[in-house]
């Protein structure tokens, strides 16, 4: 079981089923990183501390299409945002655990900054962005 930080500003959705995850992957035409799928199986999207929104399966395709991630950050998937114009990206590799942050106006991974080496540990610690 995944332990989320205790914070009254955290909002966690119900877990995603394997079916919902496969449907999201089909809509995106990609295989999501295993760490992100693990998170989705614990909470199908969440808001951590009112600062970080991590997308659930029902938002992934729309958010990635709206942000034109396929065009500007090919090989990555947008998994969330900070509500202030910064997008959280993960590289499309099954064993990827790193999370990057990039300005939505640039959306080029070469300008992204590393947020964490481990998505799940970052979430457990409250999704701190420095």
N, C-alpha and C. Protein backbone atom coordinates (compact mmCIF):
# COMPACT_ATOMS: atom_id res chain seq x y z
N UNK A 1 0.83 -1.19 0.00
CA UNK A 1 0.00 0.00 0.00
C UNK A 1 0.87 1.25 0.00
N UNK A 2 0.48 2.23 -0.70
CA UNK A 2 1.20 3.49 -0.85
C UNK A 2 0.74 4.46 0.22
N UNK A 3 1.65 5.02 0.98
CA UNK A 3 1.30 5.98 2.02
C UNK A 3 1.51 7.40 1.51
N UNK A 4 0.42 8.16 1.41
CA UNK A 4 0.49 9.55 0.99
C UNK A 4 0.71 10.43 2.20
N UNK A 5 1.39 11.56 2.01
CA UNK A 5 1.57 12.48 3.13
C UNK A 5 0.23 12.98 3.66
N UNK A 6 0.13 13.12 4.98
CA UNK A 6 -1.09 13.63 5.59
C UNK A 6 -1.10 15.15 5.47
N UNK A 7 -2.09 15.66 4.77
CA UNK A 7 -2.21 17.10 4.55
C UNK A 7 -3.67 17.37 4.20
N UNK A 8 -4.31 18.31 4.87
CA UNK A 8 -5.71 18.58 4.56
C UNK A 8 -5.93 19.12 3.15
N UNK A 9 -4.84 19.57 2.50
CA UNK A 9 -4.95 20.08 1.13
C UNK A 9 -4.72 19.00 0.07
N UNK A 10 -4.52 17.76 0.50
CA UNK A 10 -4.36 16.66 -0.45
C UNK A 10 -5.72 16.13 -0.87
N UNK A 11 -5.89 15.90 -2.15
CA UNK A 11 -7.10 15.26 -2.65
C UNK A 11 -6.67 14.06 -3.48
N UNK A 12 -7.09 12.89 -3.06
CA UNK A 12 -6.72 11.65 -3.74
C UNK A 12 -7.96 11.02 -4.34
N UNK A 13 -7.88 10.64 -5.60
CA UNK A 13 -8.97 9.94 -6.25
C UNK A 13 -8.88 8.45 -5.96
N UNK A 14 -9.95 7.74 -6.26
CA UNK A 14 -9.95 6.28 -6.12
C UNK A 14 -8.93 5.69 -7.08
N UNK A 15 -8.43 4.50 -6.77
CA UNK A 15 -7.43 3.86 -7.64
C UNK A 15 -7.97 3.58 -9.05
N UNK A 16 -7.08 3.59 -10.01
CA UNK A 16 -7.43 3.22 -11.38
C UNK A 16 -7.30 1.72 -11.54
N UNK A 17 -8.20 1.15 -12.30
CA UNK A 17 -8.11 -0.28 -12.61
C UNK A 17 -7.14 -0.46 -13.78
N UNK A 18 -6.70 -1.70 -13.96
CA UNK A 18 -5.85 -2.01 -15.12
C UNK A 18 -6.55 -1.64 -16.42
N UNK A 19 -7.87 -1.83 -16.47
CA UNK A 19 -8.64 -1.50 -17.67
C UNK A 19 -8.55 -0.01 -17.99
N UNK A 20 -8.73 0.84 -16.98
CA UNK A 20 -8.63 2.29 -17.20
C UNK A 20 -7.23 2.69 -17.66
N UNK A 21 -6.22 2.07 -17.10
CA UNK A 21 -4.84 2.38 -17.49
C UNK A 21 -4.60 1.96 -18.93
N UNK A 22 -5.06 0.77 -19.30
CA UNK A 22 -4.90 0.30 -20.69
C UNK A 22 -5.67 1.19 -21.67
N UNK A 23 -6.85 1.64 -21.28
CA UNK A 23 -7.61 2.56 -22.13
C UNK A 23 -6.87 3.87 -22.34
N UNK A 24 -6.28 4.40 -21.28
CA UNK A 24 -5.50 5.64 -21.38
C UNK A 24 -4.29 5.43 -22.29
N UNK A 25 -3.60 4.30 -22.14
CA UNK A 25 -2.45 4.01 -23.00
C UNK A 25 -2.89 3.89 -24.45
N UNK A 26 -4.05 3.29 -24.69
CA UNK A 26 -4.57 3.16 -26.04
C UNK A 26 -4.89 4.53 -26.64
N UNK A 27 -5.54 5.41 -25.85
CA UNK A 27 -5.85 6.76 -26.33
C UNK A 27 -4.58 7.55 -26.65
N UNK A 28 -3.56 7.35 -25.84
CA UNK A 28 -2.30 8.06 -26.03
C UNK A 28 -1.40 7.39 -27.06
N UNK A 29 -1.70 6.14 -27.38
CA UNK A 29 -0.87 5.34 -28.28
C UNK A 29 0.55 5.21 -27.74
N UNK A 30 0.63 4.88 -26.44
CA UNK A 30 1.93 4.73 -25.79
C UNK A 30 1.79 3.82 -24.57
N UNK A 31 2.92 3.33 -24.09
CA UNK A 31 2.97 2.57 -22.85
C UNK A 31 3.52 3.50 -21.78
N UNK A 32 2.76 3.66 -20.72
CA UNK A 32 3.17 4.56 -19.64
C UNK A 32 4.28 3.92 -18.80
N UNK A 33 5.13 4.75 -18.19
CA UNK A 33 6.17 4.22 -17.29
C UNK A 33 5.54 3.43 -16.13
N UNK A 34 6.21 2.37 -15.74
CA UNK A 34 5.71 1.49 -14.69
C UNK A 34 5.46 2.26 -13.38
N UNK A 35 6.36 3.16 -13.01
CA UNK A 35 6.19 3.92 -11.76
C UNK A 35 4.91 4.74 -11.78
N UNK A 36 4.60 5.32 -12.93
CA UNK A 36 3.38 6.12 -13.04
C UNK A 36 2.14 5.24 -12.96
N UNK A 37 2.20 4.06 -13.59
CA UNK A 37 1.08 3.12 -13.50
C UNK A 37 0.89 2.66 -12.05
N UNK A 38 1.98 2.47 -11.33
CA UNK A 38 1.89 2.10 -9.91
C UNK A 38 1.16 3.19 -9.13
N UNK A 39 1.49 4.44 -9.40
CA UNK A 39 0.81 5.56 -8.74
C UNK A 39 -0.68 5.57 -9.09
N UNK A 40 -1.00 5.40 -10.37
CA UNK A 40 -2.40 5.40 -10.80
C UNK A 40 -3.21 4.30 -10.11
N UNK A 41 -2.57 3.17 -9.83
CA UNK A 41 -3.26 2.07 -9.16
C UNK A 41 -3.52 2.37 -7.69
N UNK A 42 -2.88 3.41 -7.16
CA UNK A 42 -3.12 3.86 -5.79
C UNK A 42 -4.08 5.04 -5.75
N UNK A 43 -3.95 5.94 -6.72
CA UNK A 43 -4.85 7.09 -6.84
C UNK A 43 -4.90 7.48 -8.31
N UNK A 44 -6.08 7.50 -8.87
CA UNK A 44 -6.26 7.82 -10.28
C UNK A 44 -6.29 9.35 -10.44
N UNK A 45 -5.14 9.96 -10.18
CA UNK A 45 -5.01 11.40 -10.19
C UNK A 45 -5.10 11.94 -8.78
N UNK A 46 -4.39 13.03 -8.52
CA UNK A 46 -4.41 13.61 -7.19
C UNK A 46 -3.90 15.04 -7.22
N UNK A 47 -4.27 15.77 -6.18
CA UNK A 47 -3.76 17.10 -5.94
C UNK A 47 -3.01 17.03 -4.61
N UNK A 48 -1.75 17.38 -4.64
CA UNK A 48 -0.91 17.28 -3.45
C UNK A 48 -0.60 18.68 -2.93
N UNK A 49 -1.08 18.96 -1.75
CA UNK A 49 -0.81 20.23 -1.10
C UNK A 49 -1.38 21.44 -1.81
N UNK A 50 -2.27 21.22 -2.76
CA UNK A 50 -2.84 22.33 -3.51
C UNK A 50 -1.85 22.96 -4.48
N UNK A 51 -0.66 22.36 -4.63
CA UNK A 51 0.38 22.91 -5.50
C UNK A 51 0.64 22.05 -6.73
N UNK A 52 0.46 20.76 -6.58
CA UNK A 52 0.82 19.82 -7.64
C UNK A 52 -0.41 18.99 -8.00
N UNK A 53 -0.74 18.97 -9.28
CA UNK A 53 -1.82 18.14 -9.80
C UNK A 53 -1.19 17.05 -10.65
N UNK A 54 -1.43 15.80 -10.26
CA UNK A 54 -0.98 14.66 -11.06
C UNK A 54 -2.21 14.08 -11.73
N UNK A 55 -2.14 13.95 -13.06
CA UNK A 55 -3.30 13.59 -13.86
C UNK A 55 -3.72 12.15 -13.65
N UNK A 56 -5.02 11.92 -13.69
CA UNK A 56 -5.59 10.59 -13.70
C UNK A 56 -5.78 10.13 -15.13
N UNK A 57 -6.23 8.90 -15.28
CA UNK A 57 -6.36 8.31 -16.62
C UNK A 57 -7.33 9.08 -17.50
N UNK A 58 -8.39 9.66 -16.91
CA UNK A 58 -9.38 10.36 -17.73
C UNK A 58 -8.88 11.71 -18.25
N UNK A 59 -7.79 12.22 -17.68
CA UNK A 59 -7.24 13.52 -18.10
C UNK A 59 -6.01 13.42 -18.99
N UNK A 60 -5.35 12.29 -18.97
CA UNK A 60 -4.06 12.17 -19.65
C UNK A 60 -4.11 12.52 -21.14
N UNK A 61 -4.99 11.92 -21.88
CA UNK A 61 -5.02 12.14 -23.33
C UNK A 61 -5.34 13.59 -23.65
N UNK A 62 -6.33 14.16 -22.96
CA UNK A 62 -6.73 15.55 -23.23
C UNK A 62 -5.60 16.51 -22.87
N UNK A 63 -4.98 16.33 -21.71
CA UNK A 63 -3.90 17.24 -21.28
C UNK A 63 -2.70 17.16 -22.20
N UNK A 64 -2.35 15.95 -22.62
CA UNK A 64 -1.21 15.80 -23.53
C UNK A 64 -1.51 16.37 -24.91
N UNK A 65 -2.75 16.23 -25.37
CA UNK A 65 -3.14 16.81 -26.66
C UNK A 65 -3.18 18.33 -26.58
N UNK A 66 -3.78 18.87 -25.52
CA UNK A 66 -3.88 20.32 -25.37
C UNK A 66 -2.50 20.96 -25.29
N UNK A 67 -1.60 20.33 -24.56
CA UNK A 67 -0.23 20.86 -24.41
C UNK A 67 0.67 20.53 -25.60
N UNK A 68 0.14 19.75 -26.54
CA UNK A 68 0.88 19.34 -27.74
C UNK A 68 2.22 18.68 -27.38
N UNK A 69 2.14 17.82 -26.37
CA UNK A 69 3.34 17.13 -25.90
C UNK A 69 3.94 16.29 -27.01
N UNK A 70 3.10 15.65 -27.83
CA UNK A 70 3.60 14.79 -28.92
C UNK A 70 4.51 15.57 -29.85
N UNK A 71 4.17 16.82 -30.12
CA UNK A 71 4.94 17.64 -31.05
C UNK A 71 6.18 18.25 -30.41
N UNK A 72 6.02 18.79 -29.21
CA UNK A 72 7.10 19.56 -28.61
C UNK A 72 7.98 18.78 -27.65
N UNK A 73 7.49 17.68 -27.15
CA UNK A 73 8.26 16.86 -26.21
C UNK A 73 8.10 15.39 -26.57
N UNK A 74 8.36 15.08 -27.82
CA UNK A 74 8.24 13.71 -28.31
C UNK A 74 9.08 12.78 -27.44
N UNK A 75 8.50 11.63 -27.11
CA UNK A 75 9.19 10.67 -26.27
C UNK A 75 8.93 10.88 -24.79
N UNK A 76 8.05 11.82 -24.47
CA UNK A 76 7.68 12.12 -23.08
C UNK A 76 6.17 12.11 -22.95
N UNK A 77 5.70 12.03 -21.71
CA UNK A 77 4.28 12.14 -21.39
C UNK A 77 4.15 13.16 -20.27
N UNK A 78 3.18 14.05 -20.39
CA UNK A 78 2.87 14.99 -19.32
C UNK A 78 2.04 14.25 -18.28
N UNK A 79 2.51 14.24 -17.04
CA UNK A 79 1.80 13.51 -15.98
C UNK A 79 1.14 14.46 -14.98
N UNK A 80 1.40 15.76 -15.11
CA UNK A 80 0.81 16.70 -14.17
C UNK A 80 1.29 18.11 -14.41
N UNK A 81 0.86 19.02 -13.53
CA UNK A 81 1.30 20.41 -13.62
C UNK A 81 1.26 21.05 -12.24
N UNK A 82 1.82 22.26 -12.16
CA UNK A 82 1.86 22.97 -10.88
C UNK A 82 0.81 24.07 -10.79
N UNK A 83 -0.06 24.18 -11.78
CA UNK A 83 -1.09 25.20 -11.78
C UNK A 83 -0.57 26.59 -12.09
N UNK A 84 0.72 26.70 -12.34
CA UNK A 84 1.34 28.00 -12.62
C UNK A 84 2.13 28.02 -13.91
N UNK A 85 1.79 27.12 -14.83
CA UNK A 85 2.45 27.12 -16.13
C UNK A 85 3.63 26.18 -16.27
N UNK A 86 3.85 25.32 -15.28
CA UNK A 86 4.93 24.34 -15.33
C UNK A 86 4.31 22.95 -15.47
N UNK A 87 4.88 22.15 -16.35
CA UNK A 87 4.37 20.81 -16.65
C UNK A 87 5.37 19.76 -16.16
N UNK A 88 4.85 18.68 -15.54
CA UNK A 88 5.68 17.56 -15.12
C UNK A 88 5.70 16.53 -16.23
N UNK A 89 6.89 16.12 -16.63
CA UNK A 89 7.08 15.15 -17.71
C UNK A 89 7.80 13.92 -17.21
N UNK A 90 7.48 12.78 -17.84
CA UNK A 90 8.27 11.56 -17.69
C UNK A 90 8.63 11.07 -19.07
N UNK A 91 9.83 10.56 -19.19
CA UNK A 91 10.26 9.95 -20.45
C UNK A 91 9.50 8.66 -20.66
N UNK A 92 9.16 8.37 -21.90
CA UNK A 92 8.40 7.16 -22.21
C UNK A 92 9.33 5.96 -22.28
N UNK A 93 9.60 5.40 -21.12
CA UNK A 93 10.38 4.17 -21.00
C UNK A 93 9.76 3.41 -19.83
N UNK A 94 9.58 2.12 -19.99
CA UNK A 94 8.86 1.34 -18.99
C UNK A 94 9.45 1.48 -17.60
N UNK A 95 10.77 1.52 -17.49
CA UNK A 95 11.41 1.58 -16.17
C UNK A 95 11.75 3.00 -15.73
N UNK A 96 11.27 4.00 -16.44
CA UNK A 96 11.55 5.39 -16.07
C UNK A 96 10.94 5.73 -14.72
N UNK A 97 11.69 6.42 -13.88
CA UNK A 97 11.20 6.89 -12.58
C UNK A 97 11.39 8.39 -12.41
N UNK A 98 12.19 9.00 -13.26
CA UNK A 98 12.51 10.43 -13.14
C UNK A 98 11.34 11.29 -13.59
N UNK A 99 11.21 12.43 -12.91
CA UNK A 99 10.21 13.43 -13.27
C UNK A 99 10.94 14.73 -13.56
N UNK A 100 10.55 15.36 -14.66
CA UNK A 100 11.13 16.62 -15.10
C UNK A 100 10.06 17.70 -15.07
N UNK A 101 10.47 18.95 -14.93
CA UNK A 101 9.54 20.07 -15.00
C UNK A 101 10.00 21.02 -16.10
N UNK A 102 9.02 21.49 -16.87
CA UNK A 102 9.33 22.39 -17.99
C UNK A 102 8.23 23.42 -18.10
N UNK A 103 8.58 24.59 -18.56
CA UNK A 103 7.59 25.65 -18.77
C UNK A 103 6.67 25.26 -19.92
N UNK A 104 5.37 25.42 -19.72
CA UNK A 104 4.39 25.04 -20.75
C UNK A 104 4.57 25.85 -22.02
N UNK A 105 5.13 27.05 -21.92
CA UNK A 105 5.35 27.89 -23.10
C UNK A 105 6.51 27.43 -23.95
N UNK A 106 7.38 26.61 -23.36
CA UNK A 106 8.56 26.12 -24.09
C UNK A 106 8.36 24.65 -24.48
N UNK A 107 7.95 23.83 -23.52
CA UNK A 107 7.65 22.41 -23.69
C UNK A 107 8.73 21.65 -24.46
N UNK A 108 9.98 22.02 -24.26
CA UNK A 108 11.10 21.34 -24.90
C UNK A 108 11.92 20.69 -23.81
N UNK A 109 12.05 19.35 -23.83
CA UNK A 109 12.77 18.65 -22.77
C UNK A 109 14.20 19.15 -22.55
N UNK A 110 14.81 19.75 -23.57
CA UNK A 110 16.19 20.23 -23.36
C UNK A 110 16.22 21.40 -22.37
N UNK A 111 15.07 22.02 -22.10
CA UNK A 111 14.99 23.10 -21.12
C UNK A 111 14.38 22.62 -19.80
N UNK A 112 14.09 21.36 -19.70
CA UNK A 112 13.47 20.80 -18.49
C UNK A 112 14.51 20.66 -17.38
N UNK A 113 14.02 20.74 -16.17
CA UNK A 113 14.87 20.54 -14.99
C UNK A 113 14.39 19.30 -14.25
N UNK A 114 15.34 18.55 -13.73
CA UNK A 114 15.02 17.34 -12.99
C UNK A 114 14.37 17.71 -11.65
N UNK A 115 13.21 17.13 -11.39
CA UNK A 115 12.51 17.34 -10.12
C UNK A 115 12.90 16.24 -9.14
N UNK A 116 12.92 14.99 -9.64
CA UNK A 116 13.23 13.85 -8.79
C UNK A 116 13.72 12.69 -9.64
N UNK A 117 14.52 11.84 -9.02
CA UNK A 117 14.97 10.60 -9.65
C UNK A 117 13.95 9.48 -9.46
N UNK A 118 12.95 9.72 -8.57
CA UNK A 118 12.02 8.65 -8.24
C UNK A 118 10.62 9.21 -7.98
N UNK A 119 9.72 9.03 -8.94
CA UNK A 119 8.36 9.55 -8.84
C UNK A 119 7.67 9.16 -7.54
N UNK A 120 7.70 7.88 -7.18
CA UNK A 120 6.95 7.42 -6.02
C UNK A 120 7.49 7.99 -4.72
N UNK A 121 8.80 8.09 -4.59
CA UNK A 121 9.38 8.70 -3.39
C UNK A 121 9.02 10.19 -3.33
N UNK A 122 9.03 10.86 -4.46
CA UNK A 122 8.67 12.28 -4.53
C UNK A 122 7.24 12.50 -4.05
N UNK A 123 6.33 11.65 -4.50
CA UNK A 123 4.93 11.77 -4.07
C UNK A 123 4.80 11.50 -2.58
N UNK A 124 5.49 10.45 -2.09
CA UNK A 124 5.44 10.14 -0.65
C UNK A 124 5.93 11.31 0.20
N UNK A 125 6.87 12.07 -0.33
CA UNK A 125 7.45 13.20 0.41
C UNK A 125 6.65 14.49 0.23
N UNK A 126 5.56 14.45 -0.52
CA UNK A 126 4.71 15.61 -0.64
C UNK A 126 4.91 16.44 -1.91
N UNK A 127 5.60 15.89 -2.91
CA UNK A 127 5.77 16.56 -4.22
C UNK A 127 6.39 17.95 -4.09
N UNK A 128 7.46 18.04 -3.35
CA UNK A 128 8.15 19.32 -3.17
C UNK A 128 8.87 19.69 -4.47
N UNK A 129 8.63 20.93 -4.93
CA UNK A 129 9.31 21.45 -6.11
C UNK A 129 10.14 22.64 -5.67
N UNK A 130 11.44 22.54 -5.87
CA UNK A 130 12.32 23.64 -5.43
C UNK A 130 12.75 24.49 -6.59
